[in-house]
């Protein structure tokens, strides 16, 4: 199911509805972690200082949103497999490294020095995202297959993403088999409600029920899966905003909107884990292209505000002039220069 486009101005209002979430939870199951020494080694040389790599871990991060891959897109939320591949290869060439939503929203970003985090998110659990063949491997031209091929071609780009699923996810494969495969291979499974309900249109009890049912569907299909992230169907925040992050049977560190701009760093005061904006994947000439991924990646590449890693997951490095942007919770990890 597709989402209505949400312009920039709408996000500011949605952010005010953010649920209060703390920046500390354990890593998601299967989340790939590199020790500081491995991160430094990935730079293919001696470890460099934050100043040498221009570290800015208070910079902006693109959280990209995908839905359906199809050879003939008929919606602004569709992308062709060729366009998806081209976007991933662009990210790899521009030194982006994927991290899960869970790692991002809790400030556990572990990527090589000088690289940039990107969060790849997929809504609606469509077969074009993941479809397993008779051999148990992802079918060609599915999002997971293309992601794996890109990671193999462009190390240290990693085959990591977050899939926000509904009940009866990935129908061609079956929820149990598909979600278990994702979990086993280090991908994050997040909640998108059971039936893609517009939570804003429901009362508090109805919104909580839709979220809880989605949570239970995941846990039934893949027992032991720890779900820490929610993507709001249609980007619609419940009337009682706290319901999105907390309720009977669920507790989320991050709630994701249908958005139109990058997110601020999870280490910044301005970060709102209860209303994290996303960028719709789009080409430079697509409808509303100014709010899409191609244009935003251009802006991030040419501007001064992109997140640049220092290569050490235990520190938060940034130019000293940005000190006032740091959230107090991360002061013990601060490394201004």
C-alpha atoms as a PDB file:
ATOM      1  CA  UNK A   1       0.000   0.000   0.000  1.00  0.00           C
ATOM      2  CA  UNK A   2       1.297   3.420  -0.938  1.00  0.00           C
ATOM      3  CA  UNK A   3       1.749   6.467   1.220  1.00  0.00           C
ATOM      4  CA  UNK A   4       0.663  10.012   0.398  1.00  0.00           C
ATOM      5  CA  UNK A   5       3.587  12.377  -0.084  1.00  0.00           C
ATOM      6  CA  UNK A   6       4.454  14.336   3.051  1.00  0.00           C
ATOM      7  CA  UNK A   7       6.159  17.697   2.369  1.00  0.00           C
ATOM      8  CA  UNK A   8       8.874  19.237   4.495  1.00  0.00           C
ATOM      9  CA  UNK A   9       6.535  21.553   6.362  1.00  0.00           C
ATOM     10  CA  UNK A  10       4.466  18.619   7.622  1.00  0.00           C
ATOM     11  CA  UNK A  11       7.469  17.018   9.254  1.00  0.00           C
ATOM     12  CA  UNK A  12       8.041  19.911  11.613  1.00  0.00           C
ATOM     13  CA  UNK A  13       4.551  19.458  13.002  1.00  0.00           C
ATOM     14  CA  UNK A  14       4.956  15.695  13.217  1.00  0.00           C
ATOM     15  CA  UNK A  15       8.203  16.057  15.110  1.00  0.00           C
ATOM     16  CA  UNK A  16       6.381  17.958  17.825  1.00  0.00           C
ATOM     17  CA  UNK A  17       4.319  14.845  18.393  1.00  0.00           C
ATOM     18  CA  UNK A  18       7.417  12.740  19.033  1.00  0.00           C
ATOM     19  CA  UNK A  19       7.235  10.176  21.780  1.00  0.00           C
ATOM     20  CA  UNK A  20       9.885  10.435  24.453  1.00  0.00           C
ATOM     21  CA  UNK A  21      12.475   7.708  23.832  1.00  0.00           C
ATOM     22  CA  UNK A  22      15.878   7.226  25.392  1.00  0.00           C
ATOM     23  CA  UNK A  23      19.038   6.621  23.330  1.00  0.00           C
ATOM     24  CA  UNK A  24      20.044   3.346  24.955  1.00  0.00           C
ATOM     25  CA  UNK A  25      19.017  -0.160  23.907  1.00  0.00           C
ATOM     26  CA  UNK A  26      20.883  -3.311  23.009  1.00  0.00           C
ATOM     27  CA  UNK A  27      21.863  -3.979  19.369  1.00  0.00           C
ATOM     28  CA  UNK A  28      19.327  -5.680  17.121  1.00  0.00           C
ATOM     29  CA  UNK A  29      19.706  -9.434  16.617  1.00  0.00           C
ATOM     30  CA  UNK A  30      22.198 -10.155  13.840  1.00  0.00           C
ATOM     31  CA  UNK A  31      23.403  -6.558  13.646  1.00  0.00           C
ATOM     32  CA  UNK A  32      26.921  -6.642  12.220  1.00  0.00           C
ATOM     33  CA  UNK A  33      29.444  -4.911  14.471  1.00  0.00           C
ATOM     34  CA  UNK A  34      33.068  -3.978  13.762  1.00  0.00           C
ATOM     35  CA  UNK A  35      35.526  -3.497  16.582  1.00  0.00           C
ATOM     36  CA  UNK A  36      37.388  -0.171  16.538  1.00  0.00           C
ATOM     37  CA  UNK A  37      40.471  -1.934  15.186  1.00  0.00           C
ATOM     38  CA  UNK A  38      38.464  -3.389  12.304  1.00  0.00           C
ATOM     39  CA  UNK A  39      36.944  -0.011  11.545  1.00  0.00           C
ATOM     40  CA  UNK A  40      40.374   1.567  11.440  1.00  0.00           C
ATOM     41  CA  UNK A  41      41.684  -1.206   9.232  1.00  0.00           C
ATOM     42  CA  UNK A  42      38.871  -0.574   6.758  1.00  0.00           C
ATOM     43  CA  UNK A  43      40.464   2.769   5.928  1.00  0.00           C
ATOM     44  CA  UNK A  44      43.313   0.761   4.307  1.00  0.00           C
ATOM     45  CA  UNK A  45      46.050   2.463   6.302  1.00  0.00           C
ATOM     46  CA  UNK A  46      47.065   3.777   9.665  1.00  0.00           C
ATOM     47  CA  UNK A  47      44.299   5.125  11.856  1.00  0.00           C
ATOM     48  CA  UNK A  48      43.659   8.811  11.227  1.00  0.00           C
ATOM     49  CA  UNK A  49      42.592  11.493  13.659  1.00  0.00           C
ATOM     50  CA  UNK A  50      39.070  12.943  13.538  1.00  0.00           C
ATOM     51  CA  UNK A  51      40.471  16.164  12.088  1.00  0.00           C
ATOM     52  CA  UNK A  52      42.272  14.279   9.295  1.00  0.00           C
ATOM     53  CA  UNK A  53      39.067  12.604   8.097  1.00  0.00           C
ATOM     54  CA  UNK A  54      36.889  15.663   8.758  1.00  0.00           C
ATOM     55  CA  UNK A  55      34.763  13.737  11.253  1.00  0.00           C
ATOM     56  CA  UNK A  56      31.357  15.257  11.885  1.00  0.00           C
ATOM     57  CA  UNK A  57      29.209  12.856  13.854  1.00  0.00           C
ATOM     58  CA  UNK A  58      26.676  15.582  14.524  1.00  0.00           C
ATOM     59  CA  UNK A  59      25.959  15.800  10.798  1.00  0.00           C
ATOM     60  CA  UNK A  60      22.843  14.777   8.861  1.00  0.00           C
ATOM     61  CA  UNK A  61      22.042  11.187   7.875  1.00  0.00           C
ATOM     62  CA  UNK A  62      19.864  10.041   4.942  1.00  0.00           C
ATOM     63  CA  UNK A  63      17.215   7.497   5.933  1.00  0.00           C
ATOM     64  CA  UNK A  64      15.986   6.229   2.572  1.00  0.00           C
ATOM     65  CA  UNK A  65      12.547   4.734   1.998  1.00  0.00           C
ATOM     66  CA  UNK A  66      11.706   2.075  -0.597  1.00  0.00           C
ATOM     67  CA  UNK A  67       8.530   0.178  -1.429  1.00  0.00           C
ATOM     68  CA  UNK A  68       8.072  -1.684  -4.702  1.00  0.00           C
ATOM     69  CA  UNK A  69      10.650  -2.610  -7.345  1.00  0.00           C
ATOM     70  CA  UNK A  70       9.107  -3.056 -10.762  1.00  0.00           C
ATOM     71  CA  UNK A  71      10.355  -2.853 -14.332  1.00  0.00           C
ATOM     72  CA  UNK A  72       7.573  -0.377 -15.172  1.00  0.00           C
ATOM     73  CA  UNK A  73       7.043   1.970 -12.206  1.00  0.00           C
ATOM     74  CA  UNK A  74       3.536   3.464 -12.051  1.00  0.00           C
ATOM     75  CA  UNK A  75       3.793   5.309  -8.739  1.00  0.00           C
ATOM     76  CA  UNK A  76       6.185   7.785  -7.143  1.00  0.00           C
ATOM     77  CA  UNK A  77       6.895   5.013  -4.632  1.00  0.00           C
ATOM     78  CA  UNK A  78       8.004   2.518  -7.308  1.00  0.00           C
ATOM     79  CA  UNK A  79      11.557   2.145  -8.539  1.00  0.00           C
ATOM     80  CA  UNK A  80      12.905  -0.114 -11.253  1.00  0.00           C
ATOM     81  CA  UNK A  81      15.523  -2.714 -10.288  1.00  0.00           C
ATOM     82  CA  UNK A  82      17.997  -0.864 -12.519  1.00  0.00           C
ATOM     83  CA  UNK A  83      17.337   2.450 -10.753  1.00  0.00           C
ATOM     84  CA  UNK A  84      17.615   0.798  -7.351  1.00  0.00           C
ATOM     85  CA  UNK A  85      20.931  -0.781  -8.309  1.00  0.00           C
ATOM     86  CA  UNK A  86      22.220   2.546  -9.615  1.00  0.00           C
ATOM     87  CA  UNK A  87      21.271   4.299  -6.376  1.00  0.00           C
ATOM     88  CA  UNK A  88      23.010   1.681  -4.234  1.00  0.00           C
ATOM     89  CA  UNK A  89      26.129   1.896  -6.375  1.00  0.00           C
ATOM     90  CA  UNK A  90      26.091   5.672  -6.059  1.00  0.00           C
ATOM     91  CA  UNK A  91      25.897   5.345  -2.278  1.00  0.00           C
ATOM     92  CA  UNK A  92      28.808   2.906  -2.303  1.00  0.00           C
ATOM     93  CA  UNK A  93      30.968   5.123  -4.518  1.00  0.00           C
ATOM     94  CA  UNK A  94      30.239   8.105  -2.270  1.00  0.00           C
ATOM     95  CA  UNK A  95      31.450   6.183   0.800  1.00  0.00           C
ATOM     96  CA  UNK A  96      28.099   5.509   2.448  1.00  0.00           C
ATOM     97  CA  UNK A  97      27.857   2.411   4.629  1.00  0.00           C
ATOM     98  CA  UNK A  98      24.398   1.004   5.501  1.00  0.00           C
ATOM     99  CA  UNK A  99      23.381   0.629   9.141  1.00  0.00           C
ATOM    100  CA  UNK A 100      20.105  -0.662  10.515  1.00  0.00           C
ATOM    101  CA  UNK A 101      17.427   1.645  11.867  1.00  0.00           C
ATOM    102  CA  UNK A 102      18.051   0.104  15.290  1.00  0.00           C
ATOM    103  CA  UNK A 103      21.771   0.932  15.210  1.00  0.00           C
ATOM    104  CA  UNK A 104      21.057   4.452  13.985  1.00  0.00           C
ATOM    105  CA  UNK A 105      18.310   5.421  16.400  1.00  0.00           C
ATOM    106  CA  UNK A 106      20.233   4.216  19.454  1.00  0.00           C
ATOM    107  CA  UNK A 107      23.535   5.826  18.469  1.00  0.00           C
ATOM    108  CA  UNK A 108      25.429   2.593  17.818  1.00  0.00           C
ATOM    109  CA  UNK A 109      26.908   3.576  14.477  1.00  0.00           C
ATOM    110  CA  UNK A 110      30.024   1.519  13.761  1.00  0.00           C
ATOM    111  CA  UNK A 111      31.472   2.299  10.329  1.00  0.00           C
ATOM    112  CA  UNK A 112      34.973   3.090   9.016  1.00  0.00           C
ATOM    113  CA  UNK A 113      36.585   6.488   9.456  1.00  0.00           C
ATOM    114  CA  UNK A 114      35.689   8.969   6.744  1.00  0.00           C
ATOM    115  CA  UNK A 115      32.522   7.145   5.678  1.00  0.00           C
ATOM    116  CA  UNK A 116      28.877   8.159   6.046  1.00  0.00           C
ATOM    117  CA  UNK A 117      25.979   6.136   7.474  1.00  0.00           C
ATOM    118  CA  UNK A 118      22.856   5.540   5.431  1.00  0.00           C
ATOM    119  CA  UNK A 119      19.728   3.764   6.663  1.00  0.00           C
ATOM    120  CA  UNK A 120      17.957   1.702   3.983  1.00  0.00           C
ATOM    121  CA  UNK A 121      14.318   1.061   4.923  1.00  0.00           C
ATOM    122  CA  UNK A 122      11.700  -0.980   3.071  1.00  0.00           C
ATOM    123  CA  UNK A 123       7.966  -0.709   3.730  1.00  0.00           C
ATOM    124  CA  UNK A 124       5.072  -3.090   3.058  1.00  0.00           C
ATOM    125  CA  UNK A 125       7.030  -6.402   2.805  1.00  0.00           C
ATOM    126  CA  UNK A 126       6.519  -6.750  -0.954  1.00  0.00           C
ATOM    127  CA  UNK A 127       7.759  -9.744  -2.932  1.00  0.00           C
ATOM    128  CA  UNK A 128       9.962  -7.431  -4.985  1.00  0.00           C
ATOM    129  CA  UNK A 129      11.973  -6.784  -1.824  1.00  0.00           C
ATOM    130  CA  UNK A 130      12.503 -10.428  -0.888  1.00  0.00           C
ATOM    131  CA  UNK A 131      11.470 -13.580  -2.693  1.00  0.00           C
ATOM    132  CA  UNK A 132      13.374 -16.778  -2.035  1.00  0.00           C
ATOM    133  CA  UNK A 133      13.882 -19.242  -4.870  1.00  0.00           C
ATOM    134  CA  UNK A 134      13.813 -23.060  -4.686  1.00  0.00           C
ATOM    135  CA  UNK A 135      17.466 -23.001  -3.671  1.00  0.00           C
ATOM    136  CA  UNK A 136      16.687 -20.764  -0.699  1.00  0.00           C
ATOM    137  CA  UNK A 137      18.539 -17.784  -2.162  1.00  0.00           C
ATOM    138  CA  UNK A 138      16.947 -14.401  -2.979  1.00  0.00           C
ATOM    139  CA  UNK A 139      15.608 -14.245  -6.521  1.00  0.00           C
ATOM    140  CA  UNK A 140      17.426 -12.053  -9.021  1.00  0.00           C
ATOM    141  CA  UNK A 141      16.395  -8.399  -9.137  1.00  0.00           C
ATOM    142  CA  UNK A 142      14.823  -8.459  -5.692  1.00  0.00           C
ATOM    143  CA  UNK A 143      16.036  -5.708  -3.398  1.00  0.00           C
ATOM    144  CA  UNK A 144      17.924  -8.115  -1.136  1.00  0.00           C
ATOM    145  CA  UNK A 145      19.715  -9.741  -4.082  1.00  0.00           C
ATOM    146  CA  UNK A 146      20.745  -6.382  -5.525  1.00  0.00           C
ATOM    147  CA  UNK A 147      21.913  -5.180  -2.120  1.00  0.00           C
ATOM    148  CA  UNK A 148      24.082  -8.289  -1.682  1.00  0.00           C
ATOM    149  CA  UNK A 149      25.569  -7.878  -5.164  1.00  0.00           C
ATOM    150  CA  UNK A 150      26.398  -4.241  -4.470  1.00  0.00           C
ATOM    151  CA  UNK A 151      28.060  -5.081  -1.160  1.00  0.00           C
ATOM    152  CA  UNK A 152      30.196  -7.726  -2.858  1.00  0.00           C
ATOM    153  CA  UNK A 153      31.243  -5.291  -5.580  1.00  0.00           C
ATOM    154  CA  UNK A 154      31.931  -2.326  -3.284  1.00  0.00           C
ATOM    155  CA  UNK A 155      33.362  -3.245   0.114  1.00  0.00           C
ATOM    156  CA  UNK A 156      33.028  -1.883   2.829  1.00  0.00           C
ATOM    157  CA  UNK A 157      29.405  -1.262   1.702  1.00  0.00           C
ATOM    158  CA  UNK A 158      27.376  -3.738   3.759  1.00  0.00           C
ATOM    159  CA  UNK A 159      24.234  -5.773   2.963  1.00  0.00           C
ATOM    160  CA  UNK A 160      22.279  -4.253   5.853  1.00  0.00           C
ATOM    161  CA  UNK A 161      18.752  -2.846   5.845  1.00  0.00           C
ATOM    162  CA  UNK A 162      15.539  -2.609   7.864  1.00  0.00           C
ATOM    163  CA  UNK A 163      12.299  -4.154   6.591  1.00  0.00           C
ATOM    164  CA  UNK A 164       9.090  -2.715   8.029  1.00  0.00           C
ATOM    165  CA  UNK A 165       6.602  -5.524   7.553  1.00  0.00           C
ATOM    166  CA  UNK A 166       2.872  -6.132   7.801  1.00  0.00           C
ATOM    167  CA  UNK A 167       1.088  -9.376   8.636  1.00  0.00           C
ATOM    168  CA  UNK A 168       1.405 -12.048   5.919  1.00  0.00           C
ATOM    169  CA  UNK A 169       4.729 -10.528   4.856  1.00  0.00           C
ATOM    170  CA  UNK A 170       6.434 -11.585   1.615  1.00  0.00           C
ATOM    171  CA  UNK A 171       3.532 -13.718   0.415  1.00  0.00           C
ATOM    172  CA  UNK A 172       5.442 -15.522  -2.343  1.00  0.00           C
ATOM    173  CA  UNK A 173       7.845 -16.970   0.218  1.00  0.00           C
ATOM    174  CA  UNK A 174       5.745 -16.989   3.384  1.00  0.00           C
ATOM    175  CA  UNK A 175       6.222 -14.897   6.494  1.00  0.00           C
ATOM    176  CA  UNK A 176       7.929 -17.533   8.621  1.00  0.00           C
ATOM    177  CA  UNK A 177      10.509 -18.479   6.010  1.00  0.00           C
ATOM    178  CA  UNK A 178      11.151 -14.915   4.821  1.00  0.00           C
ATOM    179  CA  UNK A 179      11.452 -13.272   8.249  1.00  0.00           C
ATOM    180  CA  UNK A 180      13.639 -16.085   9.536  1.00  0.00           C
ATOM    181  CA  UNK A 181      15.900 -15.640   6.499  1.00  0.00           C
ATOM    182  CA  UNK A 182      16.179 -11.900   7.122  1.00  0.00           C
ATOM    183  CA  UNK A 183      16.936 -12.397  10.798  1.00  0.00           C
ATOM    184  CA  UNK A 184      19.531 -15.101  10.080  1.00  0.00           C
ATOM    185  CA  UNK A 185      21.309 -12.905   7.533  1.00  0.00           C
ATOM    186  CA  UNK A 186      21.655  -9.844   9.752  1.00  0.00           C
ATOM    187  CA  UNK A 187      18.773  -7.716   8.498  1.00  0.00           C
ATOM    188  CA  UNK A 188      16.449  -5.913  10.871  1.00  0.00           C
ATOM    189  CA  UNK A 189      12.719  -6.629  10.924  1.00  0.00           C
ATOM    190  CA  UNK A 190      10.566  -3.693  12.024  1.00  0.00           C
ATOM    191  CA  UNK A 191       6.829  -3.232  12.531  1.00  0.00           C
ATOM    192  CA  UNK A 192       4.509  -1.542  10.000  1.00  0.00           C
ATOM    193  CA  UNK A 193       1.264  -2.613  11.766  1.00  0.00           C
ATOM    194  CA  UNK A 194      -0.653  -5.744  10.850  1.00  0.00           C
ATOM    195  CA  UNK A 195      -2.903  -4.315   8.110  1.00  0.00           C
ATOM    196  CA  UNK A 196      -1.279  -0.981   7.253  1.00  0.00           C
ATOM    197  CA  UNK A 197      -3.885   1.015   9.153  1.00  0.00           C
ATOM    198  CA  UNK A 198      -3.913   4.811   9.230  1.00  0.00           C
ATOM    199  CA  UNK A 199      -3.207   5.214  12.943  1.00  0.00           C
ATOM    200  CA  UNK A 200      -4.305   8.856  12.949  1.00  0.00           C
ATOM    201  CA  UNK A 201      -7.820   7.775  11.992  1.00  0.00           C
ATOM    202  CA  UNK A 202      -8.129   5.425  14.983  1.00  0.00           C
ATOM    203  CA  UNK A 203      -8.738   6.092  18.646  1.00  0.00           C
ATOM    204  CA  UNK A 204      -5.988   5.328  21.134  1.00  0.00           C
ATOM    205  CA  UNK A 205      -7.123   1.753  21.714  1.00  0.00           C
ATOM    206  CA  UNK A 206      -7.467   1.062  17.988  1.00  0.00           C
ATOM    207  CA  UNK A 207      -4.022   2.457  17.169  1.00  0.00           C
ATOM    208  CA  UNK A 208      -2.407   0.431  19.950  1.00  0.00           C
ATOM    209  CA  UNK A 209      -4.205  -2.693  18.741  1.00  0.00           C
ATOM    210  CA  UNK A 210      -2.955  -2.243  15.169  1.00  0.00           C
ATOM    211  CA  UNK A 211       0.627  -1.875  16.385  1.00  0.00           C
ATOM    212  CA  UNK A 212       0.359  -4.773  18.829  1.00  0.00           C
ATOM    213  CA  UNK A 213      -1.104  -7.034  16.148  1.00  0.00           C
ATOM    214  CA  UNK A 214       1.786  -6.223  13.834  1.00  0.00           C
ATOM    215  CA  UNK A 215       4.257  -6.971  16.601  1.00  0.00           C
ATOM    216  CA  UNK A 216       2.601 -10.316  17.351  1.00  0.00           C
ATOM    217  CA  UNK A 217       2.554 -11.275  13.666  1.00  0.00           C
ATOM    218  CA  UNK A 218       6.334 -10.846  13.514  1.00  0.00           C
ATOM    219  CA  UNK A 219       6.914 -12.738  16.746  1.00  0.00           C
ATOM    220  CA  UNK A 220       4.655 -15.578  15.587  1.00  0.00           C
ATOM    221  CA  UNK A 221       6.355 -15.872  12.191  1.00  0.00           C
ATOM    222  CA  UNK A 222       9.901 -15.612  13.552  1.00  0.00           C
ATOM    223  CA  UNK A 223      10.001 -16.415  17.278  1.00  0.00           C
ATOM    224  CA  UNK A 224      12.718 -14.624  19.183  1.00  0.00           C
ATOM    225  CA  UNK A 225      12.800 -11.610  16.885  1.00  0.00           C
ATOM    226  CA  UNK A 226      13.322  -8.434  18.902  1.00  0.00           C
ATOM    227  CA  UNK A 227      11.429  -5.587  17.229  1.00  0.00           C
ATOM    228  CA  UNK A 228      12.675  -2.121  18.156  1.00  0.00           C
ATOM    229  CA  UNK A 229      11.492   0.054  15.245  1.00  0.00           C
ATOM    230  CA  UNK A 230       8.098   1.130  13.854  1.00  0.00           C
ATOM    231  CA  UNK A 231       7.306   2.796  10.527  1.00  0.00           C
ATOM    232  CA  UNK A 232       4.004   4.680  10.555  1.00  0.00           C
ATOM    233  CA  UNK A 233       1.659   3.690   7.706  1.00  0.00           C
ATOM    234  CA  UNK A 234       0.991   6.778   5.584  1.00  0.00           C
ATOM    235  CA  UNK A 235       3.354   8.599   7.938  1.00  0.00           C
ATOM    236  CA  UNK A 236       0.333   9.202  10.171  1.00  0.00           C
ATOM    237  CA  UNK A 237       1.102   9.718  13.871  1.00  0.00           C
ATOM    238  CA  UNK A 238      -1.597   8.414  16.250  1.00  0.00           C
ATOM    239  CA  UNK A 239      -3.753  11.066  17.909  1.00  0.00           C
ATOM    240  CA  UNK A 240      -2.121  10.072  21.185  1.00  0.00           C
ATOM    241  CA  UNK A 241       1.480  10.288  20.031  1.00  0.00           C
ATOM    242  CA  UNK A 242       2.941   8.209  22.869  1.00  0.00           C
ATOM    243  CA  UNK A 243       1.062   5.159  21.581  1.00  0.00           C
ATOM    244  CA  UNK A 244       3.458   4.870  18.633  1.00  0.00           C
ATOM    245  CA  UNK A 245       6.491   4.108  20.784  1.00  0.00           C
ATOM    246  CA  UNK A 246       5.021   2.431  23.876  1.00  0.00           C
ATOM    247  CA  UNK A 247       2.160   0.026  24.433  1.00  0.00           C
ATOM    248  CA  UNK A 248       1.173  -3.421  25.631  1.00  0.00           C
ATOM    249  CA  UNK A 249       3.661  -5.860  24.159  1.00  0.00           C
ATOM    250  CA  UNK A 250       5.868  -3.332  22.364  1.00  0.00           C
ATOM    251  CA  UNK A 251       8.487  -0.711  23.103  1.00  0.00           C
ATOM    252  CA  UNK A 252      10.262   1.037  20.228  1.00  0.00           C
ATOM    253  CA  UNK A 253      13.474   3.030  20.186  1.00  0.00           C
ATOM    254  CA  UNK A 254      12.591   4.638  16.841  1.00  0.00           C
ATOM    255  CA  UNK A 255       9.390   5.660  15.046  1.00  0.00           C
ATOM    256  CA  UNK A 256       9.717   6.516  11.348  1.00  0.00           C
ATOM    257  CA  UNK A 257       7.700   8.967   9.275  1.00  0.00           C
ATOM    258  CA  UNK A 258       7.022   9.245   5.559  1.00  0.00           C
ATOM    259  CA  UNK A 259       9.300  12.205   5.086  1.00  0.00           C
ATOM    260  CA  UNK A 260      11.166  14.430   2.757  1.00  0.00           C
ATOM    261  CA  UNK A 261      14.503  15.327   4.318  1.00  0.00           C
ATOM    262  CA  UNK A 262      17.510  13.762   6.078  1.00  0.00           C
ATOM    263  CA  UNK A 263      17.541  13.085   9.790  1.00  0.00           C
ATOM    264  CA  UNK A 264      19.757  14.919  12.198  1.00  0.00           C
ATOM    265  CA  UNK A 265      22.391  12.834  13.969  1.00  0.00           C
ATOM    266  CA  UNK A 266      21.177  10.597  16.802  1.00  0.00           C
ATOM    267  CA  UNK A 267      23.787  12.353  18.955  1.00  0.00           C
ATOM    268  CA  UNK A 268      22.258  15.795  18.406  1.00  0.00           C
ATOM    269  CA  UNK A 269      19.923  17.651  20.762  1.00  0.00           C
ATOM    270  CA  UNK A 270      17.475  18.074  17.903  1.00  0.00           C
ATOM    271  CA  UNK A 271      17.140  14.331  17.287  1.00  0.00           C
ATOM    272  CA  UNK A 272      13.607  13.075  17.912  1.00  0.00           C
ATOM    273  CA  UNK A 273      13.499   9.251  17.994  1.00  0.00           C
ATOM    274  CA  UNK A 274       9.711   9.312  18.073  1.00  0.00           C
ATOM    275  CA  UNK A 275       9.464  11.057  14.681  1.00  0.00           C
ATOM    276  CA  UNK A 276      12.404  10.246  12.409  1.00  0.00           C
ATOM    277  CA  UNK A 277      12.092  11.645   8.863  1.00  0.00           C
ATOM    278  CA  UNK A 278      12.838   9.576   5.788  1.00  0.00           C
ATOM    279  CA  UNK A 279      13.623  10.408   2.166  1.00  0.00           C
ATOM    280  CA  UNK A 280      11.647   8.758  -0.631  1.00  0.00           C
ATOM    281  CA  UNK A 281      13.897   7.106  -3.194  1.00  0.00           C
ATOM    282  CA  UNK A 282      13.526   9.070  -6.429  1.00  0.00           C
ATOM    283  CA  UNK A 283      15.425  10.050  -9.540  1.00  0.00           C
ATOM    284  CA  UNK A 284      16.495  13.645 -10.281  1.00  0.00           C
ATOM    285  CA  UNK A 285      13.560  14.228 -12.649  1.00  0.00           C
ATOM    286  CA  UNK A 286      10.823  12.293 -10.871  1.00  0.00           C
ATOM    287  CA  UNK A 287       7.666  13.853  -9.435  1.00  0.00           C
ATOM    288  CA  UNK A 288       8.542  15.968  -6.381  1.00  0.00           C
ATOM    289  CA  UNK A 289      12.201  15.257  -7.129  1.00  0.00           C
ATOM    290  CA  UNK A 290      13.312  18.135  -4.905  1.00  0.00           C
ATOM    291  CA  UNK A 291      12.265  16.028  -1.913  1.00  0.00           C
ATOM    292  CA  UNK A 292      13.682  12.751  -3.247  1.00  0.00           C
ATOM    293  CA  UNK A 293      16.899  10.834  -2.692  1.00  0.00           C
ATOM    294  CA  UNK A 294      18.804  11.913  -5.796  1.00  0.00           C
ATOM    295  CA  UNK A 295      18.512  15.627  -5.020  1.00  0.00           C
ATOM    296  CA  UNK A 296      19.176  15.149  -1.314  1.00  0.00           C
ATOM    297  CA  UNK A 297      22.286  13.087  -1.943  1.00  0.00           C
ATOM    298  CA  UNK A 298      23.516  15.925  -4.178  1.00  0.00           C
ATOM    299  CA  UNK A 299      22.893  18.435  -1.390  1.00  0.00           C
ATOM    300  CA  UNK A 300      24.581  16.323   1.249  1.00  0.00           C
ATOM    301  CA  UNK A 301      27.632  15.776  -0.959  1.00  0.00           C
ATOM    302  CA  UNK A 302      28.055  19.481  -1.685  1.00  0.00           C
ATOM    303  CA  UNK A 303      27.191  20.858   1.752  1.00  0.00           C
ATOM    304  CA  UNK A 304      28.975  20.989   5.119  1.00  0.00           C
ATOM    305  CA  UNK A 305      26.397  19.128   7.198  1.00  0.00           C
ATOM    306  CA  UNK A 306      26.796  15.468   6.240  1.00  0.00           C
ATOM    307  CA  UNK A 307      27.655  12.930   8.964  1.00  0.00           C
ATOM    308  CA  UNK A 308      31.279  11.779   8.685  1.00  0.00           C
ATOM    309  CA  UNK A 309      32.462   8.943  10.934  1.00  0.00           C
ATOM    310  CA  UNK A 310      35.640   9.055  13.016  1.00  0.00           C
ATOM    311  CA  UNK A 311      35.858   5.244  12.828  1.00  0.00           C
ATOM    312  CA  UNK A 312      35.450   4.690  16.563  1.00  0.00           C
ATOM    313  CA  UNK A 313      31.963   3.636  17.746  1.00  0.00           C
ATOM    314  CA  UNK A 314      32.844   4.625  21.294  1.00  0.00           C
ATOM    315  CA  UNK A 315      33.360   8.323  20.571  1.00  0.00           C
ATOM    316  CA  UNK A 316      31.325  11.131  19.021  1.00  0.00           C
ATOM    317  CA  UNK A 317      33.723  13.368  17.095  1.00  0.00           C
ATOM    318  CA  UNK A 318      32.834  16.753  15.648  1.00  0.00           C
ATOM    319  CA  UNK A 319      34.292  20.223  15.026  1.00  0.00           C
ATOM    320  CA  UNK A 320      34.481  22.155  18.267  1.00  0.00           C
ATOM    321  CA  UNK A 321      32.239  24.871  16.832  1.00  0.00           C
ATOM    322  CA  UNK A 322      29.348  22.355  16.889  1.00  0.00           C
ATOM    323  CA  UNK A 323      29.650  21.615  20.608  1.00  0.00           C
ATOM    324  CA  UNK A 324      26.295  23.251  21.410  1.00  0.00           C
ATOM    325  CA  UNK A 325      24.472  20.765  19.145  1.00  0.00           C
ATOM    326  CA  UNK A 326      25.491  17.717  21.200  1.00  0.00           C
ATOM    327  CA  UNK A 327      22.805  15.972  23.261  1.00  0.00           C
ATOM    328  CA  UNK A 328      23.842  15.865  26.956  1.00  0.00           C
ATOM    329  CA  UNK A 329      23.415  12.073  27.064  1.00  0.00           C
ATOM    330  CA  UNK A 330      26.406  11.697  24.735  1.00  0.00           C
ATOM    331  CA  UNK A 331      28.710  14.164  26.502  1.00  0.00           C
ATOM    332  CA  UNK A 332      30.840  11.328  27.998  1.00  0.00           C
ATOM    333  CA  UNK A 333      31.596  10.130  24.447  1.00  0.00           C
ATOM    334  CA  UNK A 334      32.266  13.591  22.992  1.00  0.00           C
ATOM    335  CA  UNK A 335      35.491  14.168  21.081  1.00  0.00           C
ATOM    336  CA  UNK A 336      35.483  17.770  19.832  1.00  0.00           C
ATOM    337  CA  UNK A 337      38.492  18.962  17.837  1.00  0.00           C
END
